[in-house]
Amino acid sequence: MSERLVKRVNVVGRGSLSVILPKRWAEALGLKPGDRVNLVFDGSRVVLTPYSSEGAAEEMNIMVEVGSEEVALRKLVASYFEGVTRVKVRSGYEEVVKLSERLRDVVPGFVLMGNPQSTVHEVVFTDVETSLPELLKTFEPVVYRALEEIEEVGSPGPMYREFMRKYLHLLRAIKYGAAQGSLDTYEAVDLALALEYIRELVDSVARLERSRVEVDAALGQVLDSARALVGAILAEDVESATAVADKVLQILDTIHCGTEACSSLKYLATRMSEIVLGRCIRSKACRCKYFFPKV
């Protein structure tokens, strides 16, 4: 259960301020006088965590035994999500090489340290710390290229695999940022949901036949609206993103779907719009512009 206290800020020397931490909180965190702590400032709040907690996930001893290749793959992906950097794999050399080829399709960066003379190998994930804003910037064009590839070829290809690698990389970065306190909880939840909706959009397009989009005008309109929301849902400029979401919702309100595929995409686009509007509500300037009645 979380606790909340209102504390005064005290002056401690020239240019320094302090806030007294309750003793029971310090004890719960395992902190003693003289211990070092991590302080994270994200522009609107300060988060404190014990210094020893940083990198704890990376130091965990993880061993994956390859019986079923699919199960071993999922265990490696789960380790990657948890921020683990080194995973020992027990298997034959040929089996671990084959497993690494499958892992390469879903995880963006790792090194396999295998030995043909041994039954214990090691997978080292190399993208430990990455910039979330930079990842988001590179993710948007990959989404569009993956959609274009599917529409042109008719099935997922190399760009879809690159999209999935970026998608998993972003999820790991969001989870890590939220755990370290460097990413606001609301923002972390919104970003994770946004990524899920974008993935569902790409997968939905992959399931569609090009001929259906060409003959179903409503489906084509909904698809164009959903595509427009990709940029809005990843944009840093909340007000311009809200303007896009507002316009898309107005367009969607005029579209009457006659197929399940169209209705599903319309629902997806609506949920994507809601995430953008939620971000606007949390921003005072955006909230005043779009959610206060005009006099």
Foldseek 3Di string as FASTA:
>chain_A
DDDDDDFDWADDDPPDIDTDDDPVVCVVLVHDPPFDWDWADQPPDIDIHGPVPPCPLQPDAAEAEPDDLVVSLVVVLVSVLSLHFKYKYFAAQVSVVVSVVVNVLAAPAWDKADDNVHRITMIGGDPRDDDLLVLLVVLLVLLVVQLVCCLVVVAGDPSVSVNNNSLSVNSSNLVVCVVVVNDDPLRSVLVNVLSVLSNVLSVLSSPDGNVVCVVFVLQVLLNVLLSQLNCLSSDPPLQVSLVSLVVSVVVLVPRDDDDPSSVVSSVSSNVSSVSSVVVLCVDPVSCCVPPDDDD
